[in-house]
PDB file of N, CA and C in Angstrom:
ATOM      1  N   MET A   1       0.843  -1.173   0.000  1.00  0.00           N
ATOM      2  CA  MET A   1       0.000   0.000   0.000  1.00  0.00           C
ATOM      3  C   MET A   1       0.891   1.239   0.000  1.00  0.00           C
ATOM      4  N   ILE A   2       0.609   2.169  -0.869  1.00  0.00           N
ATOM      5  CA  ILE A   2       1.377   3.397  -0.954  1.00  0.00           C
ATOM      6  C   ILE A   2       0.759   4.436  -0.024  1.00  0.00           C
ATOM      7  N   ARG A   3       1.587   4.935   0.888  1.00  0.00           N
ATOM      8  CA  ARG A   3       1.121   5.967   1.819  1.00  0.00           C
ATOM      9  C   ARG A   3       1.239   7.332   1.160  1.00  0.00           C
ATOM     10  N   THR A   4       0.388   8.247   1.561  1.00  0.00           N
ATOM     11  CA  THR A   4       0.426   9.592   0.995  1.00  0.00           C
ATOM     12  C   THR A   4       0.954  10.621   1.983  1.00  0.00           C
ATOM     13  N   GLU A   5       1.101  10.249   3.246  1.00  0.00           N
ATOM     14  CA  GLU A   5       1.696  11.141   4.225  1.00  0.00           C
ATOM     15  C   GLU A   5       2.644  10.356   5.119  1.00  0.00           C
ATOM     16  N   ALA A   6       3.631  11.042   5.647  1.00  0.00           N
ATOM     17  CA  ALA A   6       4.632  10.381   6.467  1.00  0.00           C
ATOM     18  C   ALA A   6       4.130  10.164   7.884  1.00  0.00           C
ATOM     19  N   LYS A   7       4.417   8.985   8.407  1.00  0.00           N
ATOM     20  CA  LYS A   7       4.146   8.652   9.800  1.00  0.00           C
ATOM     21  C   LYS A   7       5.370   7.951  10.331  1.00  0.00           C
ATOM     22  N   LYS A   8       5.656   8.156  11.600  1.00  0.00           N
ATOM     23  CA  LYS A   8       6.817   7.500  12.198  1.00  0.00           C
ATOM     24  C   LYS A   8       6.461   6.093  12.599  1.00  0.00           C
ATOM     25  N   PRO A   9       7.334   5.138  12.390  1.00  0.00           N
ATOM     26  CA  PRO A   9       8.569   5.254  11.610  1.00  0.00           C
ATOM     27  C   PRO A   9       8.282   5.201  10.113  1.00  0.00           C
ATOM     28  N   ILE A  10       9.115   5.841   9.330  1.00  0.00           N
ATOM     29  CA  ILE A  10       8.958   5.839   7.869  1.00  0.00           C
ATOM     30  C   ILE A  10       9.112   4.419   7.339  1.00  0.00           C
ATOM     31  N   VAL A  11      10.152   3.719   7.797  1.00  0.00           N
ATOM     32  CA  VAL A  11      10.421   2.354   7.374  1.00  0.00           C
ATOM     33  C   VAL A  11      10.373   1.468   8.616  1.00  0.00           C
ATOM     34  N   LEU A  12       9.634   0.388   8.555  1.00  0.00           N
ATOM     35  CA  LEU A  12       9.522  -0.520   9.698  1.00  0.00           C
ATOM     36  C   LEU A  12      10.709  -1.480   9.722  1.00  0.00           C
ATOM     37  N   ALA A  13      11.876  -0.930   9.989  1.00  0.00           N
ATOM     38  CA  ALA A  13      13.105  -1.721  10.037  1.00  0.00           C
ATOM     39  C   ALA A  13      14.151  -0.930  10.808  1.00  0.00           C
ATOM     40  N   ASP A  14      15.212  -1.604  11.203  1.00  0.00           N
ATOM     41  CA  ASP A  14      16.329  -0.947  11.861  1.00  0.00           C
ATOM     42  C   ASP A  14      17.243  -0.382  10.779  1.00  0.00           C
ATOM     43  N   ILE A  15      17.263   0.937  10.640  1.00  0.00           N
ATOM     44  CA  ILE A  15      18.075   1.584   9.605  1.00  0.00           C
ATOM     45  C   ILE A  15      18.965   2.630  10.274  1.00  0.00           C
ATOM     46  N   PRO A  16      20.054   2.165  10.927  1.00  0.00           N
ATOM     47  CA  PRO A  16      20.956   3.116  11.581  1.00  0.00           C
ATOM     48  C   PRO A  16      21.871   3.804  10.581  1.00  0.00           C
ATOM     49  N   ASP A  17      22.352   4.968  10.929  1.00  0.00           N
ATOM     50  CA  ASP A  17      23.317   5.724  10.115  1.00  0.00           C
ATOM     51  C   ASP A  17      22.861   5.900   8.670  1.00  0.00           C
ATOM     52  N   PRO A  18      21.630   6.352   8.433  1.00  0.00           N
ATOM     53  CA  PRO A  18      21.178   6.462   7.039  1.00  0.00           C
ATOM     54  C   PRO A  18      21.939   7.540   6.266  1.00  0.00           C
ATOM     55  N   CYS A  19      22.139   7.282   5.008  1.00  0.00           N
ATOM     56  CA  CYS A  19      22.704   8.257   4.079  1.00  0.00           C
ATOM     57  C   CYS A  19      21.708   8.355   2.924  1.00  0.00           C
ATOM     58  N   VAL A  20      21.198   9.552   2.645  1.00  0.00           N
ATOM     59  CA  VAL A  20      20.193   9.752   1.603  1.00  0.00           C
ATOM     60  C   VAL A  20      20.707  10.784   0.607  1.00  0.00           C
ATOM     61  N   ILE A  21      20.576  10.476  -0.677  1.00  0.00           N
ATOM     62  CA  ILE A  21      20.900  11.447  -1.726  1.00  0.00           C
ATOM     63  C   ILE A  21      19.747  11.490  -2.725  1.00  0.00           C
ATOM     64  N   ARG A  22      19.699  12.563  -3.498  1.00  0.00           N
ATOM     65  CA  ARG A  22      18.696  12.691  -4.563  1.00  0.00           C
ATOM     66  C   ARG A  22      19.398  12.618  -5.905  1.00  0.00           C
ATOM     67  N   VAL A  23      18.860  11.789  -6.795  1.00  0.00           N
ATOM     68  CA  VAL A  23      19.371  11.663  -8.156  1.00  0.00           C
ATOM     69  C   VAL A  23      18.167  11.806  -9.073  1.00  0.00           C
ATOM     70  N   GLY A  24      18.063  12.950  -9.738  1.00  0.00           N
ATOM     71  CA  GLY A  24      16.896  13.215 -10.579  1.00  0.00           C
ATOM     72  C   GLY A  24      15.640  13.229  -9.731  1.00  0.00           C
ATOM     73  N   GLY A  25      14.650  12.429 -10.105  1.00  0.00           N
ATOM     74  CA  GLY A  25      13.392  12.375  -9.366  1.00  0.00           C
ATOM     75  C   GLY A  25      13.350  11.308  -8.293  1.00  0.00           C
ATOM     76  N   ASN A  26      14.477  10.640  -8.041  1.00  0.00           N
ATOM     77  CA  ASN A  26      14.527   9.570  -7.038  1.00  0.00           C
ATOM     78  C   ASN A  26      15.436   9.941  -5.878  1.00  0.00           C
ATOM     79  N   PHE A  27      15.109   9.414  -4.710  1.00  0.00           N
ATOM     80  CA  PHE A  27      15.973   9.483  -3.545  1.00  0.00           C
ATOM     81  C   PHE A  27      16.521   8.081  -3.322  1.00  0.00           C
ATOM     82  N   TYR A  28      17.785   7.998  -2.917  1.00  0.00           N
ATOM     83  CA  TYR A  28      18.408   6.718  -2.612  1.00  0.00           C
ATOM     84  C   TYR A  28      18.948   6.776  -1.192  1.00  0.00           C
ATOM     85  N   MET A  29      18.858   5.641  -0.491  1.00  0.00           N
ATOM     86  CA  MET A  29      19.315   5.575   0.890  1.00  0.00           C
ATOM     87  C   MET A  29      20.063   4.272   1.111  1.00  0.00           C
ATOM     88  N   THR A  30      21.073   4.336   1.971  1.00  0.00           N
ATOM     89  CA  THR A  30      21.773   3.152   2.444  1.00  0.00           C
ATOM     90  C   THR A  30      21.962   3.300   3.940  1.00  0.00           C
ATOM     91  N   SER A  31      22.352   2.216   4.600  1.00  0.00           N
ATOM     92  CA  SER A  31      22.544   2.285   6.052  1.00  0.00           C
ATOM     93  C   SER A  31      23.515   1.216   6.525  1.00  0.00           C
ATOM     94  N   THR A  32      23.882   1.326   7.786  1.00  0.00           N
ATOM     95  CA  THR A  32      24.731   0.338   8.445  1.00  0.00           C
ATOM     96  C   THR A  32      24.008  -1.000   8.506  1.00  0.00           C
ATOM     97  N   THR A  33      24.723  -2.079   8.197  1.00  0.00           N
ATOM     98  CA  THR A  33      24.131  -3.411   8.341  1.00  0.00           C
ATOM     99  C   THR A  33      24.915  -4.287   9.306  1.00  0.00           C
ATOM    100  N   MET A  34      25.979  -3.749   9.886  1.00  0.00           N
ATOM    101  CA  MET A  34      26.802  -4.478  10.856  1.00  0.00           C
ATOM    102  C   MET A  34      27.227  -5.830  10.311  1.00  0.00           C
ATOM    103  N   TYR A  35      26.918  -6.927  10.994  1.00  0.00           N
ATOM    104  CA  TYR A  35      27.344  -8.262  10.581  1.00  0.00           C
ATOM    105  C   TYR A  35      26.304  -8.975   9.723  1.00  0.00           C
ATOM    106  N   PHE A  36      25.197  -8.303   9.396  1.00  0.00           N
ATOM    107  CA  PHE A  36      24.150  -8.944   8.592  1.00  0.00           C
ATOM    108  C   PHE A  36      24.508  -8.941   7.109  1.00  0.00           C
ATOM    109  N   THR A  37      24.127  -9.999   6.416  1.00  0.00           N
ATOM    110  CA  THR A  37      24.291 -10.050   4.969  1.00  0.00           C
ATOM    111  C   THR A  37      22.985 -10.521   4.349  1.00  0.00           C
ATOM    112  N   PRO A  38      22.658 -10.126   3.134  1.00  0.00           N
ATOM    113  CA  PRO A  38      23.461  -9.239   2.311  1.00  0.00           C
ATOM    114  C   PRO A  38      23.614  -7.877   2.982  1.00  0.00           C
ATOM    115  N   GLY A  39      24.655  -7.138   2.594  1.00  0.00           N
ATOM    116  CA  GLY A  39      24.989  -5.906   3.296  1.00  0.00           C
ATOM    117  C   GLY A  39      24.834  -4.647   2.480  1.00  0.00           C
ATOM    118  N   CYS A  40      24.745  -3.551   3.187  1.00  0.00           N
ATOM    119  CA  CYS A  40      24.598  -2.203   2.623  1.00  0.00           C
ATOM    120  C   CYS A  40      23.444  -2.134   1.629  1.00  0.00           C
ATOM    121  N   PRO A  41      22.207  -2.156   2.113  1.00  0.00           N
ATOM    122  CA  PRO A  41      21.066  -2.091   1.206  1.00  0.00           C
ATOM    123  C   PRO A  41      21.013  -0.756   0.465  1.00  0.00           C
ATOM    124  N   ILE A  42      20.591  -0.805  -0.783  1.00  0.00           N
ATOM    125  CA  ILE A  42      20.333   0.411  -1.559  1.00  0.00           C
ATOM    126  C   ILE A  42      18.813   0.498  -1.698  1.00  0.00           C
ATOM    127  N   MET A  43      18.228   1.531  -1.098  1.00  0.00           N
ATOM    128  CA  MET A  43      16.777   1.727  -1.132  1.00  0.00           C
ATOM    129  C   MET A  43      16.444   2.935  -1.996  1.00  0.00           C
ATOM    130  N   ARG A  44      15.260   2.918  -2.609  1.00  0.00           N
ATOM    131  CA  ARG A  44      14.839   4.000  -3.512  1.00  0.00           C
ATOM    132  C   ARG A  44      13.445   4.485  -3.120  1.00  0.00           C
ATOM    133  N   SER A  45      13.247   5.792  -3.272  1.00  0.00           N
ATOM    134  CA  SER A  45      11.945   6.407  -3.010  1.00  0.00           C
ATOM    135  C   SER A  45      11.768   7.602  -3.936  1.00  0.00           C
ATOM    136  N   ARG A  46      10.548   7.888  -4.291  1.00  0.00           N
ATOM    137  CA  ARG A  46      10.255   9.101  -5.067  1.00  0.00           C
ATOM    138  C   ARG A  46       9.743  10.222  -4.166  1.00  0.00           C
ATOM    139  N   ASP A  47       9.349   9.857  -2.914  1.00  0.00           N
ATOM    140  CA  ASP A  47       8.687  10.856  -2.058  1.00  0.00           C
ATOM    141  C   ASP A  47       9.210  10.891  -0.619  1.00  0.00           C
ATOM    142  N   LEU A  48      10.270  10.160  -0.310  1.00  0.00           N
ATOM    143  CA  LEU A  48      10.844  10.058   1.033  1.00  0.00           C
ATOM    144  C   LEU A  48       9.910   9.411   2.048  1.00  0.00           C
ATOM    145  N   VAL A  49       8.801   8.852   1.593  1.00  0.00           N
ATOM    146  CA  VAL A  49       7.850   8.165   2.471  1.00  0.00           C
ATOM    147  C   VAL A  49       7.812   6.688   2.142  1.00  0.00           C
ATOM    148  N   ASN A  50       7.700   6.348   0.890  1.00  0.00           N
ATOM    149  CA  ASN A  50       7.595   4.960   0.434  1.00  0.00           C
ATOM    150  C   ASN A  50       8.949   4.518  -0.114  1.00  0.00           C
ATOM    151  N   TRP A  51       9.540   3.503   0.531  1.00  0.00           N
ATOM    152  CA  TRP A  51      10.865   3.025   0.172  1.00  0.00           C
ATOM    153  C   TRP A  51      10.819   1.574  -0.286  1.00  0.00           C
ATOM    154  N   GLU A  52      11.696   1.230  -1.224  1.00  0.00           N
ATOM    155  CA  GLU A  52      11.855  -0.155  -1.656  1.00  0.00           C
ATOM    156  C   GLU A  52      13.342  -0.465  -1.743  1.00  0.00           C
ATOM    157  N   ILE A  53      13.710  -1.688  -1.403  1.00  0.00           N
ATOM    158  CA  ILE A  53      15.096  -2.118  -1.561  1.00  0.00           C
ATOM    159  C   ILE A  53      15.286  -2.512  -3.017  1.00  0.00           C
ATOM    160  N   VAL A  54      16.272  -1.889  -3.669  1.00  0.00           N
ATOM    161  CA  VAL A  54      16.525  -2.189  -5.083  1.00  0.00           C
ATOM    162  C   VAL A  54      17.767  -3.056  -5.292  1.00  0.00           C
ATOM    163  N   ASN A  55      18.657  -3.076  -4.280  1.00  0.00           N
ATOM    164  CA  ASN A  55      19.850  -3.905  -4.403  1.00  0.00           C
ATOM    165  C   ASN A  55      20.635  -3.858  -3.095  1.00  0.00           C
ATOM    166  N   TYR A  56      21.700  -4.636  -3.052  1.00  0.00           N
ATOM    167  CA  TYR A  56      22.650  -4.611  -1.941  1.00  0.00           C
ATOM    168  C   TYR A  56      24.040  -4.420  -2.525  1.00  0.00           C
ATOM    169  N   VAL A  57      24.934  -3.805  -1.766  1.00  0.00           N
ATOM    170  CA  VAL A  57      26.298  -3.606  -2.246  1.00  0.00           C
ATOM    171  C   VAL A  57      27.030  -4.944  -2.318  1.00  0.00           C
ATOM    172  N   TYR A  58      26.762  -5.840  -1.353  1.00  0.00           N
ATOM    173  CA  TYR A  58      27.406  -7.143  -1.397  1.00  0.00           C
ATOM    174  C   TYR A  58      26.498  -8.221  -0.823  1.00  0.00           C
ATOM    175  N   GLU A  59      26.709  -9.441  -1.311  1.00  0.00           N
ATOM    176  CA  GLU A  59      25.988 -10.606  -0.787  1.00  0.00           C
ATOM    177  C   GLU A  59      26.635 -11.086   0.504  1.00  0.00           C
ATOM    178  N   THR A  60      27.954 -11.245   0.478  1.00  0.00           N
ATOM    179  CA  THR A  60      28.713 -11.652   1.654  1.00  0.00           C
ATOM    180  C   THR A  60      30.134 -11.130   1.506  1.00  0.00           C
ATOM    181  N   LEU A  61      30.766 -10.790   2.610  1.00  0.00           N
ATOM    182  CA  LEU A  61      32.150 -10.328   2.570  1.00  0.00           C
ATOM    183  C   LEU A  61      33.134 -11.461   2.827  1.00  0.00           C
ATOM    184  N   ASP A  62      32.692 -12.450   3.577  1.00  0.00           N
ATOM    185  CA  ASP A  62      33.608 -13.499   3.983  1.00  0.00           C
ATOM    186  C   ASP A  62      32.793 -14.705   4.431  1.00  0.00           C
ATOM    187  N   ASP A  63      33.271 -15.888   4.144  1.00  0.00           N
ATOM    188  CA  ASP A  63      32.572 -17.112   4.548  1.00  0.00           C
ATOM    189  C   ASP A  63      33.142 -17.726   5.820  1.00  0.00           C
ATOM    190  N   SER A  64      33.903 -16.951   6.592  1.00  0.00           N
ATOM    191  CA  SER A  64      34.504 -17.479   7.815  1.00  0.00           C
ATOM    192  C   SER A  64      33.428 -17.769   8.863  1.00  0.00           C
ATOM    193  N   ASP A  65      33.766 -18.586   9.833  1.00  0.00           N
ATOM    194  CA  ASP A  65      32.828 -18.886  10.918  1.00  0.00           C
ATOM    195  C   ASP A  65      32.388 -17.622  11.646  1.00  0.00           C
ATOM    196  N   HIS A  66      33.297 -16.661  11.789  1.00  0.00           N
ATOM    197  CA  HIS A  66      32.938 -15.410  12.472  1.00  0.00           C
ATOM    198  C   HIS A  66      31.843 -14.654  11.722  1.00  0.00           C
ATOM    199  N   MET A  67      31.989 -14.537  10.412  1.00  0.00           N
ATOM    200  CA  MET A  67      31.036 -13.752   9.627  1.00  0.00           C
ATOM    201  C   MET A  67      29.733 -14.493   9.350  1.00  0.00           C
ATOM    202  N   THR A  68      29.756 -15.833   9.389  1.00  0.00           N
ATOM    203  CA  THR A  68      28.524 -16.592   9.169  1.00  0.00           C
ATOM    204  C   THR A  68      27.874 -17.010  10.487  1.00  0.00           C
ATOM    205  N   LEU A  69      28.479 -16.574  11.602  1.00  0.00           N
ATOM    206  CA  LEU A  69      27.971 -16.879  12.948  1.00  0.00           C
ATOM    207  C   LEU A  69      27.848 -18.383  13.156  1.00  0.00           C
ATOM    208  N   SER A  70      28.861 -19.127  12.706  1.00  0.00           N
ATOM    209  CA  SER A  70      28.868 -20.589  12.799  1.00  0.00           C
ATOM    210  C   SER A  70      29.861 -21.073  13.856  1.00  0.00           C
ATOM    211  N   ASN A  71      29.639 -22.293  14.328  1.00  0.00           N
ATOM    212  CA  ASN A  71      30.558 -22.957  15.252  1.00  0.00           C
ATOM    213  C   ASN A  71      30.884 -22.122  16.492  1.00  0.00           C
ATOM    214  N   GLY A  72      29.885 -21.414  16.987  1.00  0.00           N
ATOM    215  CA  GLY A  72      30.066 -20.627  18.201  1.00  0.00           C
ATOM    216  C   GLY A  72      30.845 -19.337  18.019  1.00  0.00           C
ATOM    217  N   LYS A  73      31.190 -19.003  16.805  1.00  0.00           N
ATOM    218  CA  LYS A  73      31.956 -17.777  16.522  1.00  0.00           C
ATOM    219  C   LYS A  73      30.992 -16.657  16.153  1.00  0.00           C
ATOM    220  N   ASN A  74      31.438 -15.407  16.364  1.00  0.00           N
ATOM    221  CA  ASN A  74      30.615 -14.272  15.950  1.00  0.00           C
ATOM    222  C   ASN A  74      31.471 -13.031  15.789  1.00  0.00           C
ATOM    223  N   ASP A  75      30.925 -12.083  15.096  1.00  0.00           N
ATOM    224  CA  ASP A  75      31.548 -10.779  14.914  1.00  0.00           C
ATOM    225  C   ASP A  75      30.563  -9.689  15.311  1.00  0.00           C
ATOM    226  N   TYR A  76      29.783  -9.947  16.354  1.00  0.00           N
ATOM    227  CA  TYR A  76      28.847  -8.931  16.841  1.00  0.00           C
ATOM    228  C   TYR A  76      29.630  -7.668  17.196  1.00  0.00           C
ATOM    229  N   GLY A  77      29.088  -6.541  16.831  1.00  0.00           N
ATOM    230  CA  GLY A  77      29.754  -5.277  17.107  1.00  0.00           C
ATOM    231  C   GLY A  77      30.795  -4.907  16.069  1.00  0.00           C
ATOM    232  N   ARG A  78      31.005  -5.769  15.108  1.00  0.00           N
ATOM    233  CA  ARG A  78      31.928  -5.467  14.016  1.00  0.00           C
ATOM    234  C   ARG A  78      31.146  -5.616  12.723  1.00  0.00           C
ATOM    235  N   GLY A  79      31.759  -5.417  11.625  1.00  0.00           N
ATOM    236  CA  GLY A  79      31.064  -5.554  10.356  1.00  0.00           C
ATOM    237  C   GLY A  79      31.065  -4.246   9.591  1.00  0.00           C
ATOM    238  N   THR A  80      30.043  -4.013   8.801  1.00  0.00           N
ATOM    239  CA  THR A  80      29.977  -2.832   7.937  1.00  0.00           C
ATOM    240  C   THR A  80      29.235  -1.705   8.641  1.00  0.00           C
ATOM    241  N   TRP A  81      29.853  -0.548   8.686  1.00  0.00           N
ATOM    242  CA  TRP A  81      29.283   0.600   9.392  1.00  0.00           C
ATOM    243  C   TRP A  81      29.274   1.845   8.501  1.00  0.00           C
ATOM    244  N   ALA A  82      28.223   2.618   8.626  1.00  0.00           N
ATOM    245  CA  ALA A  82      28.119   3.952   8.024  1.00  0.00           C
ATOM    246  C   ALA A  82      28.449   3.984   6.530  1.00  0.00           C
ATOM    247  N   SER A  83      27.750   3.168   5.748  1.00  0.00           N
ATOM    248  CA  SER A  83      27.923   3.235   4.295  1.00  0.00           C
ATOM    249  C   SER A  83      27.418   4.587   3.802  1.00  0.00           C
ATOM    250  N   SER A  84      27.871   4.997   2.641  1.00  0.00           N
ATOM    251  CA  SER A  84      27.430   6.290   2.109  1.00  0.00           C
ATOM    252  C   SER A  84      27.254   6.210   0.597  1.00  0.00           C
ATOM    253  N   LEU A  85      26.484   7.138   0.081  1.00  0.00           N
ATOM    254  CA  LEU A  85      26.194   7.221  -1.356  1.00  0.00           C
ATOM    255  C   LEU A  85      26.668   8.568  -1.878  1.00  0.00           C
ATOM    256  N   ARG A  86      27.163   8.596  -3.093  1.00  0.00           N
ATOM    257  CA  ARG A  86      27.577   9.834  -3.753  1.00  0.00           C
ATOM    258  C   ARG A  86      27.202   9.750  -5.223  1.00  0.00           C
ATOM    259  N   MET A  87      26.936  10.896  -5.821  1.00  0.00           N
ATOM    260  CA  MET A  87      26.637  10.976  -7.247  1.00  0.00           C
ATOM    261  C   MET A  87      27.789  11.694  -7.929  1.00  0.00           C
ATOM    262  N   VAL A  88      28.500  10.988  -8.812  1.00  0.00           N
ATOM    263  CA  VAL A  88      29.598  11.575  -9.567  1.00  0.00           C
ATOM    264  C   VAL A  88      29.392  11.172 -11.021  1.00  0.00           C
ATOM    265  N   ARG A  89      28.604  11.938 -11.733  1.00  0.00           N
ATOM    266  CA  ARG A  89      28.206  11.685 -13.123  1.00  0.00           C
ATOM    267  C   ARG A  89      27.316  10.457 -13.253  1.00  0.00           C
ATOM    268  N   ILE A  90      27.667   9.381 -12.584  1.00  0.00           N
ATOM    269  CA  ILE A  90      26.806   8.208 -12.541  1.00  0.00           C
ATOM    270  C   ILE A  90      26.616   7.835 -11.078  1.00  0.00           C
ATOM    271  N   PHE A  91      25.545   7.141 -10.783  1.00  0.00           N
ATOM    272  CA  PHE A  91      25.244   6.738  -9.409  1.00  0.00           C
ATOM    273  C   PHE A  91      26.056   5.508  -9.047  1.00  0.00           C
ATOM    274  N   VAL A  92      26.913   5.640  -8.039  1.00  0.00           N
ATOM    275  CA  VAL A  92      27.748   4.533  -7.606  1.00  0.00           C
ATOM    276  C   VAL A  92      27.774   4.499  -6.080  1.00  0.00           C
ATOM    277  N   PRO A  93      27.414   3.369  -5.463  1.00  0.00           N
ATOM    278  CA  PRO A  93      27.544   3.290  -4.006  1.00  0.00           C
ATOM    279  C   PRO A  93      29.016   3.250  -3.623  1.00  0.00           C
ATOM    280  N   ARG A  94      29.374   3.931  -2.560  1.00  0.00           N
ATOM    281  CA  ARG A  94      30.758   3.923  -2.086  1.00  0.00           C
ATOM    282  C   ARG A  94      31.023   2.638  -1.319  1.00  0.00           C
ATOM    283  N   PRO A  95      32.254   2.169  -1.373  1.00  0.00           N
ATOM    284  CA  PRO A  95      32.579   0.955  -0.623  1.00  0.00           C
ATOM    285  C   PRO A  95      32.284   1.124   0.859  1.00  0.00           C
ATOM    286  N   CYS A  96      31.902   0.040   1.487  1.00  0.00           N
ATOM    287  CA  CYS A  96      31.583   0.021   2.907  1.00  0.00           C
ATOM    288  C   CYS A  96      32.716  -0.689   3.621  1.00  0.00           C
ATOM    289  N   PRO A  97      33.561   0.033   4.356  1.00  0.00           N
ATOM    290  CA  PRO A  97      34.665  -0.634   5.029  1.00  0.00           C
ATOM    291  C   PRO A  97      34.154  -1.619   6.078  1.00  0.00           C
ATOM    292  N   ASN A  98      34.834  -2.750   6.180  1.00  0.00           N
ATOM    293  CA  ASN A  98      34.455  -3.771   7.141  1.00  0.00           C
ATOM    294  C   ASN A  98      35.669  -4.132   7.973  1.00  0.00           C
ATOM    295  N   PRO A  99      35.753  -3.661   9.229  1.00  0.00           N
ATOM    296  CA  PRO A  99      36.938  -3.935  10.039  1.00  0.00           C
ATOM    297  C   PRO A  99      37.110  -5.400  10.400  1.00  0.00           C
ATOM    298  N   ALA A 100      36.044  -6.173  10.334  1.00  0.00           N
ATOM    299  CA  ALA A 100      36.134  -7.593  10.687  1.00  0.00           C
ATOM    300  C   ALA A 100      36.920  -8.386   9.662  1.00  0.00           C
ATOM    301  N   THR A 101      36.853  -7.962   8.381  1.00  0.00           N
ATOM    302  CA  THR A 101      37.537  -8.706   7.327  1.00  0.00           C
ATOM    303  C   THR A 101      38.598  -7.892   6.608  1.00  0.00           C
ATOM    304  N   SER A 102      38.713  -6.597   6.929  1.00  0.00           N
ATOM    305  CA  SER A 102      39.635  -5.686   6.236  1.00  0.00           C
ATOM    306  C   SER A 102      39.338  -5.602   4.756  1.00  0.00           C
ATOM    307  N   ARG A 103      38.085  -5.829   4.384  1.00  0.00           N
ATOM    308  CA  ARG A 103      37.639  -5.737   2.993  1.00  0.00           C
ATOM    309  C   ARG A 103      36.495  -4.753   2.909  1.00  0.00           C
ATOM    310  N   SER A 104      36.156  -4.351   1.702  1.00  0.00           N
ATOM    311  CA  SER A 104      35.036  -3.455   1.467  1.00  0.00           C
ATOM    312  C   SER A 104      34.014  -4.114   0.580  1.00  0.00           C
ATOM    313  N   GLY A 105      32.738  -3.785   0.827  1.00  0.00           N
ATOM    314  CA  GLY A 105      31.674  -4.317  -0.007  1.00  0.00           C
ATOM    315  C   GLY A 105      31.510  -3.510  -1.244  1.00  0.00           C
TER     316      GLY A 105
END
């Protein structure tokens, strides 16, 4: 259902550290996903009220026990933080640094 006015919360999800940009008639947003995968969601809206996930920056950064929360291992409190979006002639999500794996999504 498409809403016509904003009500809190805008999105019924945990979206910490949001980064929102406007590209033409669309708004795009990404946020911190910590140790969850797929990571760094790319969301789109035309009105800043109704959002849809259009893609993720990465499916997985690492298949280690720590990152897959297997065999009693975990990386809680680590992972991907504060992703950001920028428009430079074309729309490209910026890499999301991940201190747990020293890689970027």
